[in-house]
N, C-alpha and C. Protein backbone atom coordinates (compact mmCIF):
# COMPACT_ATOMS: atom_id res chain seq x y z
N UNK A 1 304.83 31.73 106.41
CA UNK A 1 305.07 33.27 106.23
C UNK A 1 305.28 33.36 104.63
N UNK A 2 306.33 33.07 104.11
CA UNK A 2 306.31 33.34 102.57
C UNK A 2 306.40 32.35 101.93
N UNK A 3 305.09 31.95 101.56
CA UNK A 3 304.76 30.30 100.95
C UNK A 3 305.42 30.20 99.77
N UNK A 4 306.08 30.96 99.14
CA UNK A 4 306.89 31.12 97.74
C UNK A 4 308.32 30.49 97.94
N UNK A 5 308.93 31.06 99.06
CA UNK A 5 310.11 30.59 99.58
C UNK A 5 310.52 29.34 99.98
N UNK A 6 311.01 28.27 99.24
CA UNK A 6 311.24 27.16 99.51
C UNK A 6 312.69 26.74 99.94
N UNK A 7 312.13 25.40 100.90
CA UNK A 7 313.82 25.21 101.91
C UNK A 7 314.58 24.89 100.71
N UNK A 8 315.38 25.30 101.25
CA UNK A 8 316.88 25.09 100.65
C UNK A 8 318.07 24.33 101.29
N UNK A 9 317.76 23.33 102.21
CA UNK A 9 318.31 22.44 102.75
C UNK A 9 318.38 21.33 102.54
N UNK A 10 319.17 20.15 102.54
CA UNK A 10 319.13 18.69 102.51
C UNK A 10 317.90 18.18 103.47
N UNK A 11 317.20 17.38 102.95
CA UNK A 11 316.79 16.58 102.02
C UNK A 11 316.03 16.96 100.59
N UNK A 12 315.23 18.36 101.35
CA UNK A 12 314.28 18.95 100.56
C UNK A 12 315.23 19.08 99.10
N UNK A 13 316.55 19.85 99.19
CA UNK A 13 316.90 20.54 98.10
C UNK A 13 318.42 19.91 98.13
N UNK A 14 318.99 19.21 97.14
CA UNK A 14 320.49 18.86 97.35
C UNK A 14 321.31 19.91 96.59
N UNK A 15 320.71 20.65 95.63
CA UNK A 15 321.71 21.20 95.08
C UNK A 15 321.44 22.89 94.79
N UNK A 16 321.95 23.70 96.09
CA UNK A 16 321.49 24.60 96.10
C UNK A 16 322.30 25.86 95.33
N UNK A 17 321.90 26.60 94.53
CA UNK A 17 323.19 27.70 93.58
C UNK A 17 322.90 29.04 94.45
N UNK A 18 323.72 29.82 93.94
CA UNK A 18 323.81 31.46 94.13
C UNK A 18 322.09 31.99 93.68
N UNK A 19 321.81 31.69 92.86
CA UNK A 19 320.50 32.07 92.17
C UNK A 19 318.94 31.73 93.17
N UNK A 20 318.85 30.20 93.56
CA UNK A 20 318.22 30.16 94.55
C UNK A 20 318.34 30.59 95.94
N UNK A 21 319.23 30.86 96.47
CA UNK A 21 319.58 31.67 97.75
C UNK A 21 319.01 33.36 97.52
N UNK A 22 319.56 34.22 96.37
CA UNK A 22 319.18 35.46 95.92
C UNK A 22 317.65 35.14 95.93
N UNK A 23 317.47 34.15 95.27
CA UNK A 23 315.65 34.26 94.92
C UNK A 23 314.86 34.49 96.46
N UNK A 24 315.09 33.78 96.93
CA UNK A 24 314.46 33.36 98.50
C UNK A 24 314.78 34.85 99.27
N UNK A 25 316.01 35.03 99.34
CA UNK A 25 316.23 36.66 100.32
C UNK A 25 315.02 37.56 99.28
N UNK A 26 315.06 37.78 98.10
CA UNK A 26 314.41 38.65 97.29
C UNK A 26 312.70 38.38 98.03
N UNK A 27 312.05 37.56 97.56
CA UNK A 27 310.62 37.30 98.20
C UNK A 27 310.67 37.63 99.52
N UNK A 28 311.57 37.29 100.56
CA UNK A 28 311.84 37.57 101.97
C UNK A 28 311.54 38.85 101.85
N UNK A 29 312.22 39.78 101.22
CA UNK A 29 312.35 41.03 101.82
C UNK A 29 311.16 41.87 101.03
N UNK A 30 310.37 41.58 100.24
CA UNK A 30 309.45 41.75 99.19
C UNK A 30 308.35 41.67 100.31
N UNK A 31 308.30 40.57 100.52
CA UNK A 31 307.26 40.24 101.58
C UNK A 31 307.14 41.04 102.95
N UNK A 32 308.12 41.47 103.43
CA UNK A 32 308.70 41.99 104.93
C UNK A 32 308.22 43.74 104.67
N UNK A 33 308.74 44.20 103.18
CA UNK A 33 308.45 45.63 102.88
C UNK A 33 306.95 45.42 102.61
N UNK A 34 306.70 44.49 101.65
CA UNK A 34 305.32 45.20 101.16
C UNK A 34 305.16 45.79 100.07
N UNK A 35 306.85 45.86 99.51
CA UNK A 35 306.87 46.02 97.74
C UNK A 35 307.63 45.41 97.17
N UNK A 36 307.12 44.87 95.98
CA UNK A 36 307.30 44.13 94.78
C UNK A 36 308.53 44.84 94.40
N UNK A 37 308.96 46.09 93.93
CA UNK A 37 309.26 46.96 93.77
C UNK A 37 309.47 48.14 94.08
N UNK A 38 310.62 48.35 95.21
CA UNK A 38 310.64 49.64 95.89
C UNK A 38 310.70 51.25 94.93
N UNK A 39 310.05 52.00 95.50
CA UNK A 39 309.82 53.44 94.92
C UNK A 39 312.02 53.73 94.73
N UNK A 40 312.40 54.59 93.45
CA UNK A 40 313.73 54.74 93.36
C UNK A 40 314.45 55.30 94.68
N UNK A 41 313.73 55.88 95.19
CA UNK A 41 314.24 56.77 97.16
C UNK A 41 314.19 55.51 97.82
N UNK A 42 313.49 54.27 97.58
CA UNK A 42 314.07 53.23 98.29
C UNK A 42 314.79 52.03 97.70
N UNK A 43 315.00 51.82 96.60
CA UNK A 43 315.71 51.14 95.86
C UNK A 43 317.23 50.40 96.53
N UNK A 44 318.05 51.57 96.73
CA UNK A 44 319.26 51.26 97.86
C UNK A 44 319.04 50.30 98.90
N UNK A 45 317.90 50.95 99.81
CA UNK A 45 318.16 50.13 100.84
C UNK A 45 317.56 48.61 100.55
N UNK A 46 316.61 48.75 99.80
CA UNK A 46 316.16 47.27 99.25
C UNK A 46 316.84 46.37 98.97
N UNK A 47 317.62 46.75 97.81
CA UNK A 47 318.89 45.99 97.09
C UNK A 47 319.61 45.45 98.44
N UNK A 48 320.28 46.15 99.22
CA UNK A 48 320.87 45.98 100.11
C UNK A 48 320.24 45.01 101.01
N UNK A 49 319.47 44.75 101.52
CA UNK A 49 318.84 44.03 102.32
C UNK A 49 318.53 42.61 101.94
N UNK A 50 318.40 43.01 100.46
CA UNK A 50 318.34 41.68 99.65
C UNK A 50 319.52 41.14 99.87
N UNK A 51 320.84 41.47 99.46
CA UNK A 51 322.03 41.04 99.53
C UNK A 51 322.53 40.75 101.25
N UNK A 52 322.22 41.49 102.28
CA UNK A 52 322.62 40.92 103.27
C UNK A 52 321.49 39.74 103.92
N UNK A 53 320.40 39.72 103.74
CA UNK A 53 319.65 38.39 103.70
C UNK A 53 320.23 36.93 103.08
N UNK A 54 320.61 37.40 101.51
CA UNK A 54 321.05 36.03 100.89
C UNK A 54 322.56 35.83 101.64
N UNK A 55 323.38 36.67 102.04
CA UNK A 55 324.91 36.38 102.88
C UNK A 55 324.17 35.72 103.94
N UNK A 56 323.48 36.10 104.77
CA UNK A 56 323.15 35.17 106.07
C UNK A 56 322.69 33.91 105.58
N UNK A 57 321.86 33.53 104.52
CA UNK A 57 321.16 32.66 104.38
C UNK A 57 322.32 31.62 103.77
N UNK A 58 322.91 32.09 103.14
CA UNK A 58 323.96 31.32 102.56
C UNK A 58 325.16 30.89 103.90
N UNK A 59 325.59 31.96 104.98
CA UNK A 59 325.89 31.19 105.94
C UNK A 59 325.59 30.49 106.67
N UNK A 60 324.01 30.63 107.10
CA UNK A 60 323.05 29.37 107.74
C UNK A 60 323.64 27.98 106.91
N UNK A 61 323.23 28.12 105.56
CA UNK A 61 322.95 26.70 104.91
C UNK A 61 324.67 26.27 104.79
N UNK A 62 325.40 26.87 105.06
CA UNK A 62 326.95 26.42 104.82
C UNK A 62 327.17 25.67 106.66
N UNK A 63 327.02 26.02 107.41
CA UNK A 63 327.05 25.34 108.72
C UNK A 63 326.01 24.39 109.09
N UNK A 64 324.50 24.45 108.80
CA UNK A 64 323.72 23.59 109.25
C UNK A 64 324.02 22.05 108.87
N UNK A 65 323.96 21.16 110.15
CA UNK A 65 324.03 19.77 110.08
C UNK A 65 322.92 19.10 110.04
N UNK A 66 322.81 18.51 109.18
CA UNK A 66 321.44 17.39 108.82
C UNK A 66 321.70 16.04 109.40
N UNK A 67 321.00 15.94 110.47
CA UNK A 67 321.16 14.41 110.71
C UNK A 67 320.60 13.51 110.04
N UNK A 68 321.27 12.33 109.87
CA UNK A 68 321.38 11.32 108.99
C UNK A 68 321.45 11.46 107.69
N UNK A 69 322.40 12.64 107.43
CA UNK A 69 322.45 12.71 105.75
C UNK A 69 323.97 12.59 105.85
N UNK A 70 324.14 11.68 104.61
CA UNK A 70 325.48 11.39 104.38
C UNK A 70 326.04 12.36 103.60
N UNK A 71 327.47 12.72 104.28
CA UNK A 71 328.27 13.43 103.50
C UNK A 71 328.84 13.40 102.20
N UNK A 72 329.18 14.46 101.73
CA UNK A 72 329.85 13.83 99.99
C UNK A 72 330.64 12.93 100.22
N UNK A 73 331.56 12.92 101.03
CA UNK A 73 333.03 12.76 101.15
C UNK A 73 332.34 11.01 101.34
N UNK A 74 331.40 10.72 102.14
CA UNK A 74 330.98 9.08 101.96
C UNK A 74 330.78 8.89 101.18
N UNK A 75 330.45 9.26 99.84
CA UNK A 75 329.65 8.51 98.76
C UNK A 75 328.57 8.79 98.41
N UNK A 76 327.89 9.90 99.26
CA UNK A 76 326.52 10.47 98.75
C UNK A 76 325.37 9.63 99.21
C-alpha cells in the first residue's frame, strides 16, 4: 500500500526514533486521505490523525515480540 513507509521493527530497523514513527504515520495519513497537505479547514483533523496513528504505532512496536531476536538484556 504505502511503499515509502519502512518497516520499523527488528531485525529491519534496530533503533527506531520518534521521528521515524511520526514520518511513517504522516505517510500513512497522506496516502489514505489523498492529501499531501490538507486545506486549512482540514488541517486539525489531519494533524490529529497523524498523532493518533503515531501513538498506535509506538504502542504496537512497544509490545511486538520478534521470535529469535535477542533482548537487549542478553547482550544484544
